N, C-alpha and C. Protein backbone atom coordinates (compact mmCIF):
# COMPACT_ATOMS: atom_id res chain seq x y z
N MET A 1 3.14 -18.13 7.31
CA MET A 1 2.45 -18.14 6.05
C MET A 1 2.83 -19.42 5.31
N GLU A 2 1.86 -20.10 4.81
CA GLU A 2 2.09 -21.29 4.01
C GLU A 2 2.18 -20.88 2.54
N VAL A 3 3.08 -21.50 1.79
CA VAL A 3 3.23 -21.16 0.39
C VAL A 3 2.88 -22.38 -0.45
N ALA A 4 1.91 -22.22 -1.37
CA ALA A 4 1.53 -23.30 -2.27
C ALA A 4 2.58 -23.44 -3.36
N SER A 5 2.63 -24.57 -4.00
CA SER A 5 3.67 -24.83 -4.99
C SER A 5 3.39 -24.21 -6.36
N LEU A 6 2.18 -23.74 -6.63
CA LEU A 6 1.84 -23.23 -7.96
C LEU A 6 1.95 -21.72 -8.08
N GLY A 7 2.62 -21.07 -7.17
CA GLY A 7 2.81 -19.64 -7.27
C GLY A 7 1.81 -18.84 -6.45
N ASP A 8 0.65 -19.39 -6.15
CA ASP A 8 -0.28 -18.71 -5.26
C ASP A 8 0.22 -18.89 -3.84
N ARG A 9 -0.02 -17.87 -3.05
CA ARG A 9 0.39 -17.96 -1.64
C ARG A 9 -0.85 -18.05 -0.79
N ARG A 10 -0.78 -18.89 0.17
CA ARG A 10 -1.91 -19.11 1.08
C ARG A 10 -1.55 -18.48 2.41
N LEU A 11 -2.46 -17.73 2.96
CA LEU A 11 -2.25 -17.06 4.23
C LEU A 11 -3.27 -17.59 5.23
N GLU A 12 -2.78 -18.00 6.36
CA GLU A 12 -3.68 -18.46 7.41
C GLU A 12 -3.65 -17.46 8.54
N VAL A 13 -4.82 -16.97 8.91
CA VAL A 13 -4.94 -16.00 10.00
C VAL A 13 -5.90 -16.58 11.02
N ARG A 14 -5.48 -16.57 12.26
CA ARG A 14 -6.35 -17.06 13.34
C ARG A 14 -7.00 -15.87 14.01
N LEU A 15 -8.33 -15.92 14.09
CA LEU A 15 -9.10 -14.82 14.67
C LEU A 15 -9.91 -15.30 15.86
N ASP A 16 -10.03 -14.43 16.85
CA ASP A 16 -10.93 -14.75 17.95
C ASP A 16 -12.37 -14.53 17.45
N GLU A 17 -13.35 -14.90 18.28
CA GLU A 17 -14.74 -14.81 17.85
C GLU A 17 -15.15 -13.41 17.44
N ASP A 18 -14.71 -12.41 18.21
CA ASP A 18 -15.10 -11.04 17.93
C ASP A 18 -14.58 -10.58 16.56
N HIS A 19 -13.31 -10.84 16.29
CA HIS A 19 -12.75 -10.44 15.01
C HIS A 19 -13.34 -11.25 13.86
N SER A 20 -13.61 -12.50 14.10
CA SER A 20 -14.23 -13.33 13.08
C SER A 20 -15.62 -12.81 12.73
N ARG A 21 -16.38 -12.42 13.75
CA ARG A 21 -17.72 -11.85 13.52
C ARG A 21 -17.62 -10.55 12.74
N LYS A 22 -16.68 -9.69 13.14
CA LYS A 22 -16.51 -8.41 12.44
C LYS A 22 -16.12 -8.63 10.98
N LEU A 23 -15.21 -9.56 10.74
CA LEU A 23 -14.81 -9.85 9.37
C LEU A 23 -15.98 -10.35 8.54
N SER A 24 -16.76 -11.25 9.11
CA SER A 24 -17.93 -11.77 8.39
C SER A 24 -18.91 -10.65 8.05
N GLU A 25 -19.09 -9.75 8.99
CA GLU A 25 -20.00 -8.63 8.77
C GLU A 25 -19.47 -7.70 7.68
N ILE A 26 -18.18 -7.42 7.70
CA ILE A 26 -17.58 -6.54 6.70
C ILE A 26 -17.76 -7.11 5.30
N VAL A 27 -17.36 -8.37 5.11
CA VAL A 27 -17.43 -8.94 3.76
C VAL A 27 -18.87 -9.12 3.31
N SER A 28 -19.76 -9.40 4.26
CA SER A 28 -21.18 -9.53 3.91
C SER A 28 -21.73 -8.19 3.42
N ARG A 29 -21.43 -7.13 4.13
CA ARG A 29 -21.89 -5.79 3.74
C ARG A 29 -21.31 -5.36 2.40
N ARG A 30 -20.08 -5.74 2.15
CA ARG A 30 -19.42 -5.33 0.91
C ARG A 30 -19.70 -6.28 -0.25
N GLY A 31 -20.29 -7.42 0.05
CA GLY A 31 -20.61 -8.37 -1.00
C GLY A 31 -19.37 -8.99 -1.62
N LYS A 32 -18.35 -9.20 -0.81
CA LYS A 32 -17.09 -9.75 -1.31
C LYS A 32 -16.72 -10.99 -0.52
N SER A 33 -15.80 -11.76 -1.11
CA SER A 33 -15.22 -12.87 -0.36
C SER A 33 -14.17 -12.31 0.58
N VAL A 34 -13.80 -13.09 1.58
CA VAL A 34 -12.74 -12.68 2.49
C VAL A 34 -11.46 -12.42 1.70
N SER A 35 -11.16 -13.31 0.79
CA SER A 35 -9.94 -13.18 -0.01
C SER A 35 -9.93 -11.88 -0.81
N ALA A 36 -11.03 -11.57 -1.47
CA ALA A 36 -11.12 -10.33 -2.27
C ALA A 36 -10.99 -9.10 -1.39
N TRP A 37 -11.62 -9.14 -0.22
CA TRP A 37 -11.56 -7.99 0.69
C TRP A 37 -10.14 -7.79 1.23
N VAL A 38 -9.47 -8.89 1.61
CA VAL A 38 -8.10 -8.79 2.12
C VAL A 38 -7.18 -8.22 1.04
N LYS A 39 -7.33 -8.69 -0.20
CA LYS A 39 -6.50 -8.16 -1.29
C LYS A 39 -6.75 -6.67 -1.49
N GLU A 40 -8.01 -6.25 -1.40
CA GLU A 40 -8.36 -4.83 -1.53
C GLU A 40 -7.69 -4.00 -0.43
N VAL A 41 -7.75 -4.50 0.80
CA VAL A 41 -7.14 -3.78 1.93
C VAL A 41 -5.62 -3.71 1.76
N ILE A 42 -5.01 -4.78 1.30
CA ILE A 42 -3.56 -4.78 1.06
C ILE A 42 -3.21 -3.75 0.00
N ASP A 43 -3.94 -3.74 -1.11
CA ASP A 43 -3.67 -2.78 -2.18
C ASP A 43 -3.84 -1.34 -1.71
N ARG A 44 -4.90 -1.09 -0.99
CA ARG A 44 -5.17 0.27 -0.50
C ARG A 44 -4.08 0.72 0.48
N THR A 45 -3.69 -0.16 1.38
CA THR A 45 -2.65 0.15 2.36
C THR A 45 -1.32 0.39 1.66
N TYR A 46 -1.00 -0.42 0.67
CA TYR A 46 0.23 -0.27 -0.09
C TYR A 46 0.27 1.08 -0.79
N GLU A 47 -0.85 1.46 -1.42
CA GLU A 47 -0.94 2.76 -2.08
C GLU A 47 -0.77 3.90 -1.07
N ASP A 48 -1.39 3.77 0.09
CA ASP A 48 -1.27 4.79 1.14
C ASP A 48 0.18 4.94 1.59
N LEU A 49 0.87 3.82 1.77
CA LEU A 49 2.28 3.88 2.16
C LEU A 49 3.12 4.55 1.08
N SER A 50 2.83 4.23 -0.18
CA SER A 50 3.56 4.85 -1.29
C SER A 50 3.33 6.36 -1.29
N ARG A 51 2.09 6.77 -1.10
CA ARG A 51 1.75 8.19 -1.08
C ARG A 51 2.45 8.89 0.08
N GLN A 52 2.47 8.26 1.23
CA GLN A 52 3.14 8.85 2.40
C GLN A 52 4.64 9.01 2.14
N GLU A 53 5.25 8.01 1.52
CA GLU A 53 6.68 8.09 1.20
C GLU A 53 6.95 9.25 0.24
N ARG A 54 6.10 9.41 -0.76
CA ARG A 54 6.28 10.51 -1.70
C ARG A 54 6.11 11.86 -1.01
N MET A 55 5.14 11.96 -0.11
CA MET A 55 4.92 13.22 0.61
C MET A 55 6.11 13.56 1.49
N ARG A 56 6.71 12.56 2.15
CA ARG A 56 7.91 12.81 2.95
C ARG A 56 9.05 13.31 2.06
N ALA A 57 9.17 12.73 0.88
CA ALA A 57 10.21 13.17 -0.05
C ALA A 57 9.96 14.61 -0.49
N VAL A 58 8.73 14.94 -0.76
CA VAL A 58 8.39 16.31 -1.15
C VAL A 58 8.74 17.28 -0.04
N ARG A 59 8.43 16.92 1.20
CA ARG A 59 8.75 17.79 2.34
C ARG A 59 10.26 17.99 2.47
N ARG A 60 11.02 16.88 2.32
CA ARG A 60 12.48 17.00 2.41
C ARG A 60 13.02 17.91 1.32
N ILE A 61 12.49 17.77 0.13
CA ILE A 61 12.92 18.62 -0.98
C ILE A 61 12.54 20.07 -0.71
N ALA A 62 11.33 20.28 -0.23
CA ALA A 62 10.87 21.65 0.04
C ALA A 62 11.71 22.31 1.13
N GLU A 63 12.20 21.54 2.07
CA GLU A 63 13.01 22.09 3.16
C GLU A 63 14.47 22.29 2.76
N ALA A 64 14.88 21.67 1.67
CA ALA A 64 16.27 21.77 1.24
C ALA A 64 16.52 23.13 0.58
N ALA A 65 17.73 23.59 0.71
CA ALA A 65 18.13 24.84 0.04
C ALA A 65 18.51 24.49 -1.39
N VAL A 66 17.59 24.69 -2.30
CA VAL A 66 17.81 24.34 -3.70
C VAL A 66 17.93 25.63 -4.51
N GLU A 67 19.05 25.75 -5.20
CA GLU A 67 19.26 26.94 -6.02
C GLU A 67 18.64 26.80 -7.40
N ASP A 68 18.74 25.62 -7.99
CA ASP A 68 18.22 25.39 -9.33
C ASP A 68 17.01 24.46 -9.22
N VAL A 69 15.83 25.04 -9.11
CA VAL A 69 14.60 24.26 -8.93
C VAL A 69 14.17 23.70 -10.28
N PRO A 70 13.99 22.38 -10.35
CA PRO A 70 13.56 21.78 -11.62
C PRO A 70 12.11 22.17 -11.95
N GLU A 71 11.77 22.01 -13.21
CA GLU A 71 10.40 22.25 -13.64
C GLU A 71 9.49 21.25 -12.93
N PRO A 72 8.24 21.63 -12.65
CA PRO A 72 7.33 20.73 -11.91
C PRO A 72 7.19 19.34 -12.52
N ASP A 73 7.07 19.26 -13.86
CA ASP A 73 6.92 17.94 -14.50
C ASP A 73 8.18 17.09 -14.31
N ALA A 74 9.34 17.71 -14.43
CA ALA A 74 10.60 16.98 -14.25
C ALA A 74 10.73 16.52 -12.80
N LEU A 75 10.37 17.40 -11.86
CA LEU A 75 10.42 17.04 -10.45
C LEU A 75 9.47 15.88 -10.14
N ALA A 76 8.28 15.93 -10.69
CA ALA A 76 7.30 14.85 -10.48
C ALA A 76 7.84 13.52 -10.99
N ARG A 77 8.46 13.54 -12.17
CA ARG A 77 9.03 12.29 -12.72
C ARG A 77 10.15 11.77 -11.83
N GLU A 78 11.01 12.67 -11.34
CA GLU A 78 12.11 12.25 -10.47
C GLU A 78 11.58 11.64 -9.18
N LEU A 79 10.55 12.27 -8.61
CA LEU A 79 9.98 11.75 -7.36
C LEU A 79 9.33 10.39 -7.58
N GLU A 80 8.58 10.25 -8.66
CA GLU A 80 7.93 8.97 -8.96
C GLU A 80 8.98 7.88 -9.13
N LYS A 81 10.05 8.19 -9.86
CA LYS A 81 11.09 7.21 -10.09
C LYS A 81 11.79 6.83 -8.79
N ALA A 82 12.06 7.80 -7.94
CA ALA A 82 12.78 7.54 -6.71
C ALA A 82 11.93 6.83 -5.66
N HIS A 83 10.63 6.98 -5.75
CA HIS A 83 9.75 6.42 -4.71
C HIS A 83 8.66 5.55 -5.32
N GLU A 84 9.01 4.71 -6.28
CA GLU A 84 8.06 3.79 -6.87
C GLU A 84 7.61 2.77 -5.84
N PRO A 85 6.34 2.31 -5.90
CA PRO A 85 5.87 1.30 -4.95
C PRO A 85 6.74 0.04 -4.94
N SER A 86 7.36 -0.30 -6.05
CA SER A 86 8.20 -1.51 -6.07
C SER A 86 9.40 -1.39 -5.16
N GLY A 87 9.72 -0.16 -4.72
CA GLY A 87 10.84 0.05 -3.82
C GLY A 87 10.48 -0.14 -2.37
N LEU A 88 9.16 -0.29 -2.06
CA LEU A 88 8.75 -0.51 -0.65
C LEU A 88 9.11 -1.90 -0.19
N ARG A 89 9.48 -1.97 1.06
CA ARG A 89 9.75 -3.29 1.64
C ARG A 89 9.15 -3.36 3.00
């Protein structure tokens, strides 16, 4: 990945003809630039990963032997805090 000096990051991806054609078709159908579409896919994937992490945490909590179960709102806040998207790497 090449990094520009003004804070924007430039990404270079090399595609074979088939993937290049598919990408052109996707962005054409969606009426977006390649850059806008890639950013959308990154955001959507990031959100999906965050959701999956939260669901795993919920399952672990549900499987745990908990004697003092917190109120749903308090539990939701604790889960959000513990599994914020900024914690993904």
